[in-house]
Amino acid sequence: MIKHIVMWKMKKDRGAADSAMNALEIKKRLERLTSTIIEIKAMEVGMNFSSAEKAYDVILYTEFSNKKDLEHYLNNPEHVKVKAYIESVIEDKAIIDFEV
């Protein structure tokens, strides 16, 4: 099993309200992918409530059967569209992929 985890920090230059709205939009767009990308075995999208300075704002946790399925997800046109939106509203991200 492959686990793919991504964390994002939202751009703060537009204000807290816009950041929160963009974070919710990320969550909605990612969760919609489960109905179109069959390789996704599990997905959770969480919103941070910590006030820690180094905390990220949104986290994605996904599971795939194998590396090939993860690659299919990453290159799927629907995922690519969501990724483009995310890149437009974030200032930083961290990614980890691992096999269990």
C-alpha atoms as a PDB file:
ATOM      1  CA  MET A   1       0.000   0.000   0.000  1.00  0.00           C
ATOM      2  CA  ILE A   2       1.148   3.521  -0.878  1.00  0.00           C
ATOM      3  CA  LYS A   3       0.365   6.512   1.293  1.00  0.00           C
ATOM      4  CA  HIS A   4       0.548  10.004  -0.208  1.00  0.00           C
ATOM      5  CA  ILE A   5       0.421  12.966   2.184  1.00  0.00           C
ATOM      6  CA  VAL A   6       0.535  16.628   1.227  1.00  0.00           C
ATOM      7  CA  MET A   7       0.327  19.701   3.473  1.00  0.00           C
ATOM      8  CA  TRP A   8      -0.240  23.272   2.296  1.00  0.00           C
ATOM      9  CA  LYS A   9       0.183  26.745   3.758  1.00  0.00           C
ATOM     10  CA  MET A  10      -2.259  29.217   2.311  1.00  0.00           C
ATOM     11  CA  LYS A  11      -1.202  32.622   0.983  1.00  0.00           C
ATOM     12  CA  LYS A  12      -1.897  35.164   3.714  1.00  0.00           C
ATOM     13  CA  ASP A  13      -1.607  38.305   1.590  1.00  0.00           C
ATOM     14  CA  ARG A  14      -5.333  38.243   0.768  1.00  0.00           C
ATOM     15  CA  GLY A  15      -6.461  38.152   4.385  1.00  0.00           C
ATOM     16  CA  ALA A  16      -7.661  35.425   6.732  1.00  0.00           C
ATOM     17  CA  ALA A  17     -11.165  35.205   5.250  1.00  0.00           C
ATOM     18  CA  ASP A  18      -9.877  34.591   1.714  1.00  0.00           C
ATOM     19  CA  SER A  19      -7.345  32.075   3.009  1.00  0.00           C
ATOM     20  CA  ALA A  20     -10.090  30.167   4.823  1.00  0.00           C
ATOM     21  CA  MET A  21     -12.350  30.214   1.745  1.00  0.00           C
ATOM     22  CA  ASN A  22      -9.510  28.982  -0.468  1.00  0.00           C
ATOM     23  CA  ALA A  23      -8.693  26.203   2.011  1.00  0.00           C
ATOM     24  CA  LEU A  24     -12.323  25.055   1.940  1.00  0.00           C
ATOM     25  CA  GLU A  25     -12.285  25.146  -1.848  1.00  0.00           C
ATOM     26  CA  ILE A  26      -9.163  22.941  -1.863  1.00  0.00           C
ATOM     27  CA  LYS A  27     -10.984  20.463   0.381  1.00  0.00           C
ATOM     28  CA  LYS A  28     -14.064  20.377  -1.863  1.00  0.00           C
ATOM     29  CA  ARG A  29     -12.100  19.973  -5.083  1.00  0.00           C
ATOM     30  CA  LEU A  30      -9.909  17.211  -3.693  1.00  0.00           C
ATOM     31  CA  GLU A  31     -12.833  15.279  -2.223  1.00  0.00           C
ATOM     32  CA  ARG A  32     -14.623  15.373  -5.610  1.00  0.00           C
ATOM     33  CA  LEU A  33     -11.716  13.423  -7.107  1.00  0.00           C
ATOM     34  CA  THR A  34     -12.809  10.286  -5.252  1.00  0.00           C
ATOM     35  CA  SER A  35     -15.789   9.979  -7.592  1.00  0.00           C
ATOM     36  CA  THR A  36     -13.686  10.194 -10.772  1.00  0.00           C
ATOM     37  CA  ILE A  37     -10.317   8.581  -9.952  1.00  0.00           C
ATOM     38  CA  ILE A  38     -10.922   4.933  -9.073  1.00  0.00           C
ATOM     39  CA  GLU A  39      -7.324   4.342  -7.985  1.00  0.00           C
ATOM     40  CA  ILE A  40      -7.931   6.366  -4.810  1.00  0.00           C
ATOM     41  CA  LYS A  41      -8.526   3.761  -2.092  1.00  0.00           C
ATOM     42  CA  ALA A  42      -8.936   6.262   0.748  1.00  0.00           C
ATOM     43  CA  MET A  43      -8.833  10.026   1.123  1.00  0.00           C
ATOM     44  CA  GLU A  44      -9.055  12.442   4.020  1.00  0.00           C
ATOM     45  CA  VAL A  45      -8.702  16.205   3.765  1.00  0.00           C
ATOM     46  CA  GLY A  46      -8.231  18.048   7.048  1.00  0.00           C
ATOM     47  CA  MET A  47      -8.292  21.669   8.027  1.00  0.00           C
ATOM     48  CA  ASN A  48      -5.838  22.824  10.690  1.00  0.00           C
ATOM     49  CA  PHE A  49      -7.083  24.380  13.918  1.00  0.00           C
ATOM     50  CA  SER A  50      -3.685  24.780  15.583  1.00  0.00           C
ATOM     51  CA  SER A  51      -2.365  28.282  16.109  1.00  0.00           C
ATOM     52  CA  ALA A  52       1.257  27.100  16.054  1.00  0.00           C
ATOM     53  CA  GLU A  53       3.443  29.371  13.940  1.00  0.00           C
ATOM     54  CA  LYS A  54       4.843  26.541  11.808  1.00  0.00           C
ATOM     55  CA  ALA A  55       1.512  24.757  11.314  1.00  0.00           C
ATOM     56  CA  TYR A  56       0.222  24.084   7.824  1.00  0.00           C
ATOM     57  CA  ASP A  57      -3.379  24.945   6.924  1.00  0.00           C
ATOM     58  CA  VAL A  58      -4.645  21.949   4.941  1.00  0.00           C
ATOM     59  CA  ILE A  59      -3.578  18.306   4.801  1.00  0.00           C
ATOM     60  CA  LEU A  60      -4.356  15.588   2.271  1.00  0.00           C
ATOM     61  CA  TYR A  61      -4.030  11.935   3.186  1.00  0.00           C
ATOM     62  CA  THR A  62      -4.549   9.375   0.411  1.00  0.00           C
ATOM     63  CA  GLU A  63      -4.005   5.648  -0.034  1.00  0.00           C
ATOM     64  CA  PHE A  64      -3.268   3.731  -3.228  1.00  0.00           C
ATOM     65  CA  SER A  65      -2.725   0.042  -3.909  1.00  0.00           C
ATOM     66  CA  ASN A  66       0.644   0.568  -5.602  1.00  0.00           C
ATOM     67  CA  LYS A  67       3.024   3.131  -7.094  1.00  0.00           C
ATOM     68  CA  LYS A  68       1.440   2.779 -10.537  1.00  0.00           C
ATOM     69  CA  ASP A  69      -1.951   3.828  -9.133  1.00  0.00           C
ATOM     70  CA  LEU A  70      -0.357   6.838  -7.421  1.00  0.00           C
ATOM     71  CA  GLU A  71       1.267   7.865 -10.712  1.00  0.00           C
ATOM     72  CA  HIS A  72      -2.070   7.530 -12.488  1.00  0.00           C
ATOM     73  CA  TYR A  73      -3.668   9.803  -9.865  1.00  0.00           C
ATOM     74  CA  LEU A  74      -0.882  12.384 -10.104  1.00  0.00           C
ATOM     75  CA  ASN A  75      -1.172  12.553 -13.909  1.00  0.00           C
ATOM     76  CA  ASN A  76      -4.955  12.335 -14.146  1.00  0.00           C
ATOM     77  CA  PRO A  77      -6.296  15.456 -15.911  1.00  0.00           C
ATOM     78  CA  GLU A  78      -8.841  16.083 -13.135  1.00  0.00           C
ATOM     79  CA  HIS A  79      -6.088  15.996 -10.504  1.00  0.00           C
ATOM     80  CA  VAL A  80      -3.907  18.263 -12.635  1.00  0.00           C
ATOM     81  CA  LYS A  81      -6.741  20.857 -12.688  1.00  0.00           C
ATOM     82  CA  VAL A  82      -7.111  20.710  -8.906  1.00  0.00           C
ATOM     83  CA  LYS A  83      -3.359  20.968  -8.460  1.00  0.00           C
ATOM     84  CA  ALA A  84      -3.257  24.099 -10.649  1.00  0.00           C
ATOM     85  CA  TYR A  85      -5.883  25.752  -8.461  1.00  0.00           C
ATOM     86  CA  ILE A  86      -4.039  24.767  -5.287  1.00  0.00           C
ATOM     87  CA  GLU A  87      -0.745  26.151  -6.587  1.00  0.00           C
ATOM     88  CA  SER A  88      -2.453  29.493  -7.221  1.00  0.00           C
ATOM     89  CA  VAL A  89      -3.584  29.943  -3.594  1.00  0.00           C
ATOM     90  CA  ILE A  90      -0.730  28.480  -1.530  1.00  0.00           C
ATOM     91  CA  GLU A  91       2.658  29.777  -0.449  1.00  0.00           C
ATOM     92  CA  ASP A  92       4.253  26.485   0.622  1.00  0.00           C
ATOM     93  CA  LYS A  93       3.733  22.727   0.587  1.00  0.00           C
ATOM     94  CA  ALA A  94       5.287  19.563   1.955  1.00  0.00           C
ATOM     95  CA  ILE A  95       4.862  16.101   0.424  1.00  0.00           C
ATOM     96  CA  ILE A  96       5.678  12.587   1.523  1.00  0.00           C
ATOM     97  CA  ASP A  97       4.988   9.305  -0.280  1.00  0.00           C
ATOM     98  CA  PHE A  98       5.746   6.024   1.421  1.00  0.00           C
ATOM     99  CA  GLU A  99       5.012   2.318   1.146  1.00  0.00           C
ATOM    100  CA  VAL A 100       3.730   0.101   3.942  1.00  0.00           C
END
